[in-house]
Amino acid sequence: MTAVQNWLPKDLVTPTIVRNVIRDVLRDLHKMTQRDDEPSGGPQLMGRGLERC
């Protein structure tokens, strides 16, 4: 068990880690709630496996 304990940091939760986790969550929420008001100017690509009729 002591060999495993040497690999673990003493402070698993530091203020920097907490700040980074909160920023990541807020960044992901912002990306999910962001709307695309401007349609893309290029052609719409079909997904793999779809066939045109």
Protein backbone atom coordinates (compact mmCIF):
# COMPACT_ATOMS: atom_id res chain seq x y z
CA MET A 1 0.00 0.00 0.00
CA THR A 2 2.86 2.41 0.67
CA ALA A 3 4.06 2.14 -2.94
CA VAL A 4 0.63 3.27 -4.16
CA GLN A 5 0.51 6.09 -1.63
CA ASN A 6 3.77 7.49 -3.00
CA TRP A 7 2.13 7.94 -6.42
CA LEU A 8 -0.87 9.88 -5.07
CA PRO A 9 -0.53 13.61 -4.44
CA LYS A 10 -1.05 14.75 -0.87
CA ASP A 11 -3.81 17.19 -1.81
CA LEU A 12 -6.20 15.57 -4.26
CA VAL A 13 -8.42 18.65 -4.39
CA THR A 14 -6.61 21.93 -4.75
CA PRO A 15 -8.11 25.34 -5.50
CA THR A 16 -6.60 25.19 -8.99
CA ILE A 17 -8.28 21.86 -9.74
CA VAL A 18 -11.64 23.12 -8.45
CA ARG A 19 -11.33 26.31 -10.53
CA ASN A 20 -10.44 24.33 -13.68
CA VAL A 21 -13.35 21.92 -13.23
CA ILE A 22 -15.82 24.78 -12.78
CA ARG A 23 -14.45 26.58 -15.85
CA ASP A 24 -14.71 23.40 -17.94
CA VAL A 25 -18.33 22.85 -16.90
CA LEU A 26 -19.28 26.46 -17.62
CA ARG A 27 -17.49 26.35 -20.98
CA ASP A 28 -19.39 23.17 -21.96
CA LEU A 29 -22.71 24.67 -20.83
CA HIS A 30 -22.01 27.76 -22.93
CA LYS A 31 -21.27 25.62 -25.98
CA MET A 32 -24.47 23.59 -25.49
CA THR A 33 -26.72 26.64 -25.10
CA GLN A 34 -25.12 28.67 -27.89
CA ARG A 35 -27.39 28.99 -30.93
CA ASP A 36 -26.32 29.02 -34.54
CA ASP A 37 -28.05 32.16 -35.82
CA GLU A 38 -26.02 32.21 -39.00
CA PRO A 39 -26.46 29.22 -41.29
CA SER A 40 -23.30 27.91 -42.86
CA GLY A 41 -22.58 29.28 -46.31
CA GLY A 42 -21.24 26.03 -47.70
CA PRO A 43 -23.13 23.03 -49.02
CA GLN A 44 -24.77 20.66 -46.53
CA LEU A 45 -22.87 17.37 -46.37
CA MET A 46 -24.69 14.06 -46.00
CA GLY A 47 -23.68 11.63 -43.30
CA ARG A 48 -21.96 8.32 -43.99
CA GLY A 49 -24.20 5.55 -45.27
CA LEU A 50 -26.92 7.86 -46.66
CA GLU A 51 -27.94 7.61 -50.28
CA ARG A 52 -29.48 10.23 -52.51
CA CYS A 53 -32.73 9.33 -54.21
